[in-house]
Structures are given as C-alpha cells and as structure tokens.
Full PDB file with SEQRES, HELIX, SHEET, SSBOND, CRYST1, ORIGX, SCALE, CONECT and MASTER records, all heavy atoms in Angstrom:
SEQRES   1 A   31  ARG LEU GLN PRO SER ARG GLY TYR HIS VAL GLU LEU GLY          
SEQRES   2 A   31  ALA ARG GLU LYS ALA LEU LEU GLU GLU ASP VAL ALA LEU          
SEQRES   3 A   31  LYS ARG PHE LYS SER                                          
HELIX    1 AA1 ALA A   14  LEU A   20  1                                   7    
HELIX    2 AA2 VAL A   24  LYS A   30  5                                   7    
CRYST1    1.000    1.000    1.000  90.00  90.00  90.00 P 1           1          
ORIGX1      1.000000  0.000000  0.000000        0.00000                         
ORIGX2      0.000000  1.000000  0.000000        0.00000                         
ORIGX3      0.000000  0.000000  1.000000        0.00000                         
SCALE1      1.000000  0.000000  0.000000        0.00000                         
SCALE2      0.000000  1.000000  0.000000        0.00000                         
SCALE3      0.000000  0.000000  1.000000        0.00000                         
ATOM      1  N   ARG A   1       0.825  -1.202   0.013  1.00  0.00           N  
ATOM      2  CA  ARG A   1      -0.015   0.006   0.015  1.00  0.00           C  
ATOM      3  C   ARG A   1       0.871   1.238  -0.004  1.00  0.00           C  
ATOM      4  O   ARG A   1       0.442   2.350  -0.416  1.00  0.00           O  
ATOM      5  CB  ARG A   1      -0.862   0.012   1.205  1.00  0.00           C  
ATOM      6  CG  ARG A   1      -1.882  -1.071   1.251  1.00  0.00           C  
ATOM      7  CD  ARG A   1      -3.140  -0.635   0.578  1.00  0.00           C  
ATOM      8  NE  ARG A   1      -4.141  -1.649   0.775  1.00  0.00           N  
ATOM      9  CZ  ARG A   1      -5.146  -1.806  -0.023  1.00  0.00           C  
ATOM     10  NH1 ARG A   1      -5.263  -1.036  -1.075  1.00  0.00           N  
ATOM     11  NH2 ARG A   1      -6.072  -2.711   0.165  1.00  0.00           N  
ATOM     12  N   LEU A   2       2.096   1.131   0.466  1.00  0.00           N  
ATOM     13  CA  LEU A   2       2.968   2.288   0.563  1.00  0.00           C  
ATOM     14  C   LEU A   2       3.616   2.598  -0.794  1.00  0.00           C  
ATOM     15  O   LEU A   2       4.074   3.745  -0.995  1.00  0.00           O  
ATOM     16  CB  LEU A   2       4.040   2.035   1.603  1.00  0.00           C  
ATOM     17  CG  LEU A   2       3.513   1.746   3.038  1.00  0.00           C  
ATOM     18  CD1 LEU A   2       4.715   1.416   3.949  1.00  0.00           C  
ATOM     19  CD2 LEU A   2       2.715   2.928   3.574  1.00  0.00           C  
ATOM     20  N   GLN A   3       3.671   1.677  -1.717  1.00  0.00           N  
ATOM     21  CA  GLN A   3       4.299   1.910  -3.001  1.00  0.00           C  
ATOM     22  C   GLN A   3       3.283   2.473  -3.969  1.00  0.00           C  
ATOM     23  O   GLN A   3       2.120   2.188  -3.896  1.00  0.00           O  
ATOM     24  CB  GLN A   3       4.863   0.603  -3.601  1.00  0.00           C  
ATOM     25  CG  GLN A   3       5.986   0.078  -2.739  1.00  0.00           C  
ATOM     26  CD  GLN A   3       6.484  -1.294  -3.328  1.00  0.00           C  
ATOM     27  OE1 GLN A   3       5.857  -1.800  -4.224  1.00  0.00           O  
ATOM     28  NE2 GLN A   3       7.589  -1.742  -2.802  1.00  0.00           N  
ATOM     29  N   PRO A   4       3.720   3.379  -4.835  1.00  0.00           N  
ATOM     30  CA  PRO A   4       2.793   3.929  -5.846  1.00  0.00           C  
ATOM     31  C   PRO A   4       2.277   2.838  -6.756  1.00  0.00           C  
ATOM     32  O   PRO A   4       2.978   1.900  -7.106  1.00  0.00           O  
ATOM     33  CB  PRO A   4       3.631   4.986  -6.567  1.00  0.00           C  
ATOM     34  CG  PRO A   4       5.055   4.569  -6.352  1.00  0.00           C  
ATOM     35  CD  PRO A   4       5.069   3.905  -5.025  1.00  0.00           C  
ATOM     36  N   SER A   5       0.982   2.955  -7.112  1.00  0.00           N  
ATOM     37  CA  SER A   5       0.389   1.910  -7.987  1.00  0.00           C  
ATOM     38  C   SER A   5       0.796   1.976  -9.410  1.00  0.00           C  
ATOM     39  O   SER A   5       0.713   1.022 -10.120  1.00  0.00           O  
ATOM     40  CB  SER A   5      -1.115   2.006  -7.833  1.00  0.00           C  
ATOM     41  OG  SER A   5      -1.560   3.289  -8.329  1.00  0.00           O  
ATOM     42  N   ARG A   6       1.293   3.145  -9.858  1.00  0.00           N  
ATOM     43  CA  ARG A   6       1.637   3.341 -11.262  1.00  0.00           C  
ATOM     44  C   ARG A   6       3.060   2.918 -11.580  1.00  0.00           C  
ATOM     45  O   ARG A   6       3.436   2.749 -12.709  1.00  0.00           O  
ATOM     46  CB  ARG A   6       1.460   4.751 -11.690  1.00  0.00           C  
ATOM     47  CG  ARG A   6       0.053   5.253 -11.453  1.00  0.00           C  
ATOM     48  CD  ARG A   6      -0.096   6.664 -11.855  1.00  0.00           C  
ATOM     49  NE  ARG A   6      -0.753   6.689 -13.114  1.00  0.00           N  
ATOM     50  CZ  ARG A   6      -0.789   7.762 -13.900  1.00  0.00           C  
ATOM     51  NH1 ARG A   6      -0.250   8.902 -13.485  1.00  0.00           N  
ATOM     52  NH2 ARG A   6      -1.416   7.747 -15.027  1.00  0.00           N  
ATOM     53  N   GLY A   7       3.913   2.700 -10.557  1.00  0.00           N  
ATOM     54  CA  GLY A   7       5.291   2.296 -10.835  1.00  0.00           C  
ATOM     55  C   GLY A   7       6.125   3.495 -11.146  1.00  0.00           C  
ATOM     56  O   GLY A   7       5.770   4.681 -10.978  1.00  0.00           O  
ATOM     57  N   TYR A   8       7.314   3.232 -11.670  1.00  0.00           N  
ATOM     58  CA  TYR A   8       8.261   4.315 -11.977  1.00  0.00           C  
ATOM     59  C   TYR A   8       7.976   4.902 -13.340  1.00  0.00           C  
ATOM     60  O   TYR A   8       7.474   4.168 -14.245  1.00  0.00           O  
ATOM     61  CB  TYR A   8       9.677   3.782 -11.873  1.00  0.00           C  
ATOM     62  CG  TYR A   8      10.070   3.333 -10.491  1.00  0.00           C  
ATOM     63  CD1 TYR A   8      10.167   1.985 -10.180  1.00  0.00           C  
ATOM     64  CD2 TYR A   8      10.298   4.266  -9.530  1.00  0.00           C  
ATOM     65  CE1 TYR A   8      10.459   1.607  -8.892  1.00  0.00           C  
ATOM     66  CE2 TYR A   8      10.629   3.895  -8.260  1.00  0.00           C  
ATOM     67  CZ  TYR A   8      10.695   2.521  -7.939  1.00  0.00           C  
ATOM     68  OH  TYR A   8      11.019   2.152  -6.678  1.00  0.00           O  
ATOM     69  N   HIS A   9       8.403   6.125 -13.545  1.00  0.00           N  
ATOM     70  CA  HIS A   9       8.224   6.771 -14.814  1.00  0.00           C  
ATOM     71  C   HIS A   9       9.174   6.196 -15.849  1.00  0.00           C  
ATOM     72  O   HIS A   9      10.362   6.038 -15.610  1.00  0.00           O  
ATOM     73  CB  HIS A   9       8.441   8.305 -14.681  1.00  0.00           C  
ATOM     74  CG  HIS A   9       8.351   8.987 -15.979  1.00  0.00           C  
ATOM     75  ND1 HIS A   9       7.115   9.177 -16.610  1.00  0.00           N  
ATOM     76  CD2 HIS A   9       9.259   9.571 -16.773  1.00  0.00           C  
ATOM     77  CE1 HIS A   9       7.300   9.860 -17.752  1.00  0.00           C  
ATOM     78  NE2 HIS A   9       8.612  10.081 -17.860  1.00  0.00           N  
ATOM     79  N   VAL A  10       8.635   5.893 -17.030  1.00  0.00           N  
ATOM     80  CA  VAL A  10       9.431   5.350 -18.133  1.00  0.00           C  
ATOM     81  C   VAL A  10       9.254   6.327 -19.284  1.00  0.00           C  
ATOM     82  O   VAL A  10       8.144   6.707 -19.575  1.00  0.00           O  
ATOM     83  CB  VAL A  10       8.972   3.936 -18.498  1.00  0.00           C  
ATOM     84  CG1 VAL A  10       9.762   3.376 -19.662  1.00  0.00           C  
ATOM     85  CG2 VAL A  10       9.055   2.991 -17.306  1.00  0.00           C  
ATOM     86  N   GLU A  11      10.346   6.656 -19.962  1.00  0.00           N  
ATOM     87  CA  GLU A  11      10.255   7.506 -21.098  1.00  0.00           C  
ATOM     88  C   GLU A  11       9.393   6.857 -22.242  1.00  0.00           C  
ATOM     89  O   GLU A  11       9.491   5.638 -22.424  1.00  0.00           O  
ATOM     90  CB  GLU A  11      11.646   7.853 -21.647  1.00  0.00           C  
ATOM     91  CG  GLU A  11      12.403   8.877 -20.812  1.00  0.00           C  
ATOM     92  CD  GLU A  11      11.686  10.211 -20.836  1.00  0.00           C  
ATOM     93  OE1 GLU A  11      11.204  10.657 -21.875  1.00  0.00           O  
ATOM     94  OE2 GLU A  11      11.635  10.831 -19.731  1.00  0.00           O  
ATOM     95  N   LEU A  12       8.677   7.671 -22.947  1.00  0.00           N  
ATOM     96  CA  LEU A  12       7.900   7.136 -24.061  1.00  0.00           C  
ATOM     97  C   LEU A  12       8.791   6.750 -25.225  1.00  0.00           C  
ATOM     98  O   LEU A  12       9.820   7.411 -25.463  1.00  0.00           O  
ATOM     99  CB  LEU A  12       6.885   8.200 -24.549  1.00  0.00           C  
ATOM    100  CG  LEU A  12       5.862   8.661 -23.527  1.00  0.00           C  
ATOM    101  CD1 LEU A  12       5.017   9.790 -24.103  1.00  0.00           C  
ATOM    102  CD2 LEU A  12       4.992   7.476 -23.129  1.00  0.00           C  
ATOM    103  N   GLY A  13       8.361   5.719 -25.938  1.00  0.00           N  
ATOM    104  CA  GLY A  13       9.109   5.261 -27.091  1.00  0.00           C  
ATOM    105  C   GLY A  13       8.720   6.102 -28.303  1.00  0.00           C  
ATOM    106  O   GLY A  13       7.856   6.977 -28.299  1.00  0.00           O  
ATOM    107  N   ALA A  14       9.336   5.798 -29.463  1.00  0.00           N  
ATOM    108  CA  ALA A  14       9.074   6.528 -30.685  1.00  0.00           C  
ATOM    109  C   ALA A  14       7.632   6.347 -31.131  1.00  0.00           C  
ATOM    110  O   ALA A  14       6.978   7.282 -31.613  1.00  0.00           O  
ATOM    111  CB  ALA A  14      10.045   6.059 -31.793  1.00  0.00           C  
ATOM    112  N   ARG A  15       7.087   5.141 -30.984  1.00  0.00           N  
ATOM    113  CA  ARG A  15       5.724   4.888 -31.383  1.00  0.00           C  
ATOM    114  C   ARG A  15       4.706   5.650 -30.555  1.00  0.00           C  
ATOM    115  O   ARG A  15       3.758   6.208 -31.108  1.00  0.00           O  
ATOM    116  CB  ARG A  15       5.449   3.370 -31.289  1.00  0.00           C  
ATOM    117  CG  ARG A  15       4.051   2.985 -31.793  1.00  0.00           C  
ATOM    118  CD  ARG A  15       3.929   1.461 -31.873  1.00  0.00           C  
ATOM    119  NE  ARG A  15       2.717   1.102 -32.497  1.00  0.00           N  
ATOM    120  CZ  ARG A  15       1.565   0.819 -31.849  1.00  0.00           C  
ATOM    121  NH1 ARG A  15       1.545   0.900 -30.533  1.00  0.00           N  
ATOM    122  NH2 ARG A  15       0.450   0.515 -32.482  1.00  0.00           N  
ATOM    123  N   GLU A  16       4.926   5.681 -29.245  1.00  0.00           N  
ATOM    124  CA  GLU A  16       4.015   6.399 -28.408  1.00  0.00           C  
ATOM    125  C   GLU A  16       4.057   7.893 -28.651  1.00  0.00           C  
ATOM    126  O   GLU A  16       3.049   8.554 -28.667  1.00  0.00           O  
ATOM    127  CB  GLU A  16       4.364   6.138 -26.907  1.00  0.00           C  
ATOM    128  CG  GLU A  16       4.003   4.762 -26.411  1.00  0.00           C  
ATOM    129  CD  GLU A  16       5.120   3.763 -26.644  1.00  0.00           C  
ATOM    130  OE1 GLU A  16       6.157   4.137 -27.121  1.00  0.00           O  
ATOM    131  OE2 GLU A  16       4.860   2.570 -26.325  1.00  0.00           O  
ATOM    132  N   LYS A  17       5.248   8.398 -28.904  1.00  0.00           N  
ATOM    133  CA  LYS A  17       5.391   9.836 -29.199  1.00  0.00           C  
ATOM    134  C   LYS A  17       4.678  10.137 -30.534  1.00  0.00           C  
ATOM    135  O   LYS A  17       4.045  11.210 -30.679  1.00  0.00           O  
ATOM    136  CB  LYS A  17       6.870  10.248 -29.250  1.00  0.00           C  
ATOM    137  CG  LYS A  17       7.503  10.271 -27.901  1.00  0.00           C  
ATOM    138  CD  LYS A  17       8.958  10.686 -28.004  1.00  0.00           C  
ATOM    139  CE  LYS A  17       9.616  10.662 -26.624  1.00  0.00           C  
ATOM    140  NZ  LYS A  17      11.062  10.976 -26.748  1.00  0.00           N  
ATOM    141  N   ALA A  18       4.814   9.269 -31.515  1.00  0.00           N  
ATOM    142  CA  ALA A  18       4.149   9.459 -32.782  1.00  0.00           C  
ATOM    143  C   ALA A  18       2.657   9.453 -32.652  1.00  0.00           C  
ATOM    144  O   ALA A  18       1.921  10.229 -33.316  1.00  0.00           O  
ATOM    145  CB  ALA A  18       4.643   8.441 -33.801  1.00  0.00           C  
ATOM    146  N   LEU A  19       2.127   8.589 -31.769  1.00  0.00           N  
ATOM    147  CA  LEU A  19       0.692   8.497 -31.554  1.00  0.00           C  
ATOM    148  C   LEU A  19       0.123   9.741 -30.821  1.00  0.00           C  
ATOM    149  O   LEU A  19      -1.050  10.089 -31.025  1.00  0.00           O  
ATOM    150  CB  LEU A  19       0.337   7.259 -30.805  1.00  0.00           C  
ATOM    151  CG  LEU A  19       0.456   5.912 -31.538  1.00  0.00           C  
ATOM    152  CD1 LEU A  19       0.281   4.724 -30.609  1.00  0.00           C  
ATOM    153  CD2 LEU A  19      -0.558   5.862 -32.658  1.00  0.00           C  
ATOM    154  N   LEU A  20       0.958  10.324 -30.028  1.00  0.00           N  
ATOM    155  CA  LEU A  20       0.514  11.539 -29.242  1.00  0.00           C  
ATOM    156  C   LEU A  20       0.632  12.791 -30.055  1.00  0.00           C  
ATOM    157  O   LEU A  20       0.050  13.830 -29.640  1.00  0.00           O  
ATOM    158  CB  LEU A  20       1.304  11.637 -27.958  1.00  0.00           C  
ATOM    159  CG  LEU A  20       0.981  10.574 -26.913  1.00  0.00           C  
ATOM    160  CD1 LEU A  20       1.918  10.683 -25.727  1.00  0.00           C  
ATOM    161  CD2 LEU A  20      -0.476  10.659 -26.458  1.00  0.00           C  
ATOM    162  N   GLU A  21       1.302  12.764 -31.154  1.00  0.00           N  
ATOM    163  CA  GLU A  21       1.438  14.051 -31.972  1.00  0.00           C  
ATOM    164  C   GLU A  21       0.121  14.347 -32.605  1.00  0.00           C  
ATOM    165  O   GLU A  21      -0.693  13.502 -32.855  1.00  0.00           O  
ATOM    166  CB  GLU A  21       2.506  13.821 -33.080  1.00  0.00           C  
ATOM    167  CG  GLU A  21       3.949  13.829 -32.522  1.00  0.00           C  
ATOM    168  CD  GLU A  21       4.946  13.674 -33.591  1.00  0.00           C  
ATOM    169  OE1 GLU A  21       4.553  13.626 -34.773  1.00  0.00           O  
ATOM    170  OE2 GLU A  21       6.138  13.550 -33.268  1.00  0.00           O  
ATOM    171  N   GLU A  22      -0.086  15.648 -32.956  1.00  0.00           N  
ATOM    172  CA  GLU A  22      -1.284  16.073 -33.574  1.00  0.00           C  
ATOM    173  C   GLU A  22      -1.309  15.609 -35.045  1.00  0.00           C  
ATOM    174  O   GLU A  22      -0.333  15.761 -35.759  1.00  0.00           O  
ATOM    175  CB  GLU A  22      -1.384  17.614 -33.515  1.00  0.00           C  
ATOM    176  CG  GLU A  22      -2.683  18.165 -33.915  1.00  0.00           C  
ATOM    177  CD  GLU A  22      -2.840  19.582 -33.649  1.00  0.00           C  
ATOM    178  OE1 GLU A  22      -2.341  20.045 -32.562  1.00  0.00           O  
ATOM    179  OE2 GLU A  22      -3.366  20.329 -34.477  1.00  0.00           O  
ATOM    180  N   ASP A  23      -2.462  15.070 -35.455  1.00  0.00           N  
ATOM    181  CA  ASP A  23      -2.575  14.570 -36.806  1.00  0.00           C  
ATOM    182  C   ASP A  23      -3.300  15.611 -37.674  1.00  0.00           C  
ATOM    183  O   ASP A  23      -4.405  16.027 -37.316  1.00  0.00           O  
ATOM    184  CB  ASP A  23      -3.397  13.255 -36.806  1.00  0.00           C  
ATOM    185  CG  ASP A  23      -3.276  12.501 -38.098  1.00  0.00           C  
ATOM    186  OD1 ASP A  23      -2.668  13.012 -39.057  1.00  0.00           O  
ATOM    187  OD2 ASP A  23      -3.835  11.383 -38.157  1.00  0.00           O  
ATOM    188  N   VAL A  24      -2.654  15.962 -38.753  1.00  0.00           N  
ATOM    189  CA  VAL A  24      -3.246  17.002 -39.659  1.00  0.00           C  
ATOM    190  C   VAL A  24      -4.523  16.539 -40.300  1.00  0.00           C  
ATOM    191  O   VAL A  24      -5.492  17.253 -40.499  1.00  0.00           O  
ATOM    192  CB  VAL A  24      -2.186  17.413 -40.698  1.00  0.00           C  
ATOM    193  CG1 VAL A  24      -2.783  18.482 -41.653  1.00  0.00           C  
ATOM    194  CG2 VAL A  24      -0.914  17.893 -40.064  1.00  0.00           C  
ATOM    195  N   ALA A  25      -4.593  15.198 -40.635  1.00  0.00           N  
ATOM    196  CA  ALA A  25      -5.776  14.687 -41.276  1.00  0.00           C  
ATOM    197  C   ALA A  25      -7.015  14.734 -40.348  1.00  0.00           C  
ATOM    198  O   ALA A  25      -8.181  14.831 -40.848  1.00  0.00           O  
ATOM    199  CB  ALA A  25      -5.550  13.249 -41.756  1.00  0.00           C  
ATOM    200  N   LEU A  26      -6.826  14.690 -39.045  1.00  0.00           N  
ATOM    201  CA  LEU A  26      -7.922  14.669 -38.144  1.00  0.00           C  
ATOM    202  C   LEU A  26      -8.281  16.097 -37.586  1.00  0.00           C  
ATOM    203  O   LEU A  26      -9.232  16.247 -36.850  1.00  0.00           O  
ATOM    204  CB  LEU A  26      -7.597  13.762 -36.893  1.00  0.00           C  
ATOM    205  CG  LEU A  26      -7.379  12.331 -37.224  1.00  0.00           C  
ATOM    206  CD1 LEU A  26      -6.975  11.608 -35.989  1.00  0.00           C  
ATOM    207  CD2 LEU A  26      -8.612  11.700 -37.826  1.00  0.00           C  
ATOM    208  N   LYS A  27      -7.546  17.080 -38.016  1.00  0.00           N  
ATOM    209  CA  LYS A  27      -7.729  18.425 -37.492  1.00  0.00           C  
ATOM    210  C   LYS A  27      -9.142  19.001 -37.894  1.00  0.00           C  
ATOM    211  O   LYS A  27      -9.669  19.718 -37.088  1.00  0.00           O  
ATOM    212  CB  LYS A  27      -6.635  19.332 -38.037  1.00  0.00           C  
ATOM    213  CG  LYS A  27      -6.469  20.617 -37.203  1.00  0.00           C  
ATOM    214  CD  LYS A  27      -5.180  21.281 -37.597  1.00  0.00           C  
ATOM    215  CE  LYS A  27      -4.875  22.295 -36.521  1.00  0.00           C  
ATOM    216  NZ  LYS A  27      -3.558  22.824 -36.601  1.00  0.00           N  
ATOM    217  N   ARG A  28      -9.623  18.591 -39.037  1.00  0.00           N  
ATOM    218  CA  ARG A  28     -10.915  19.175 -39.452  1.00  0.00           C  
ATOM    219  C   ARG A  28     -12.055  18.674 -38.624  1.00  0.00           C  
ATOM    220  O   ARG A  28     -13.148  19.259 -38.584  1.00  0.00           O  
ATOM    221  CB  ARG A  28     -11.208  18.912 -40.920  1.00  0.00           C  
ATOM    222  CG  ARG A  28     -11.377  17.432 -41.252  1.00  0.00           C  
ATOM    223  CD  ARG A  28     -11.564  17.212 -42.708  1.00  0.00           C  
ATOM    224  NE  ARG A  28     -11.729  15.812 -43.023  1.00  0.00           N  
ATOM    225  CZ  ARG A  28     -12.586  15.329 -43.868  1.00  0.00           C  
ATOM    226  NH1 ARG A  28     -13.282  16.166 -44.614  1.00  0.00           N  
ATOM    227  NH2 ARG A  28     -12.671  14.056 -44.066  1.00  0.00           N  
ATOM    228  N   PHE A  29     -11.894  17.529 -37.906  1.00  0.00           N  
ATOM    229  CA  PHE A  29     -12.958  16.972 -37.106  1.00  0.00           C  
ATOM    230  C   PHE A  29     -12.964  17.575 -35.686  1.00  0.00           C  
ATOM    231  O   PHE A  29     -13.858  17.264 -34.891  1.00  0.00           O  
ATOM    232  CB  PHE A  29     -12.856  15.456 -36.993  1.00  0.00           C  
ATOM    233  CG  PHE A  29     -12.973  14.785 -38.275  1.00  0.00           C  
ATOM    234  CD1 PHE A  29     -11.901  14.177 -38.933  1.00  0.00           C  
ATOM    235  CD2 PHE A  29     -14.237  14.699 -38.940  1.00  0.00           C  
ATOM    236  CE1 PHE A  29     -12.081  13.557 -40.174  1.00  0.00           C  
ATOM    237  CE2 PHE A  29     -14.365  14.118 -40.120  1.00  0.00           C  
ATOM    238  CZ  PHE A  29     -13.308  13.496 -40.779  1.00  0.00           C  
ATOM    239  N   LYS A  30     -12.004  18.376 -35.344  1.00  0.00           N  
ATOM    240  CA  LYS A  30     -11.864  18.927 -34.021  1.00  0.00           C  
ATOM    241  C   LYS A  30     -13.005  19.925 -33.718  1.00  0.00           C  
ATOM    242  O   LYS A  30     -13.395  20.075 -32.577  1.00  0.00           O  
ATOM    243  CB  LYS A  30     -10.519  19.597 -33.908  1.00  0.00           C  
ATOM    244  CG  LYS A  30     -10.149  19.977 -32.461  1.00  0.00           C  
ATOM    245  CD  LYS A  30      -8.773  20.523 -32.405  1.00  0.00           C  
ATOM    246  CE  LYS A  30      -8.359  20.760 -30.976  1.00  0.00           C  
ATOM    247  NZ  LYS A  30      -7.011  21.235 -30.863  1.00  0.00           N  
ATOM    248  N   SER A  31     -13.613  20.542 -34.739  1.00  0.00           N  
ATOM    249  CA  SER A  31     -14.629  21.512 -34.525  1.00  0.00           C  
ATOM    250  C   SER A  31     -15.888  20.858 -33.960  1.00  0.00           C  
ATOM    251  O   SER A  31     -16.751  21.524 -33.407  1.00  0.00           O  
ATOM    252  CB  SER A  31     -14.939  22.236 -35.843  1.00  0.00           C  
ATOM    253  OG  SER A  31     -15.424  21.330 -36.766  1.00  0.00           O  
TER     254      SER A  31                                                      
MASTER        0    0    0    2    0    0    0    6  253    1    0    3          
END                                                                             
C-alpha cells in the first residue's frame, strides 16, 4: 500500500510519441 500503484516513470518510445502528436488529417474533425 505504501508503494505507488503506477510504478516508476518510463520515457515514451518513438511509437508512443508518434501517436500523441497532432494529426493534420484529423484536424478538421476537431470542430
């Protein structure tokens, strides 16, 4: 119970960073 449930922070990989970037093709649906 004393340890954090999420664990230690790990840097995002290239795939995760690419998925989090803004997509130009989806920008028109933001409205």
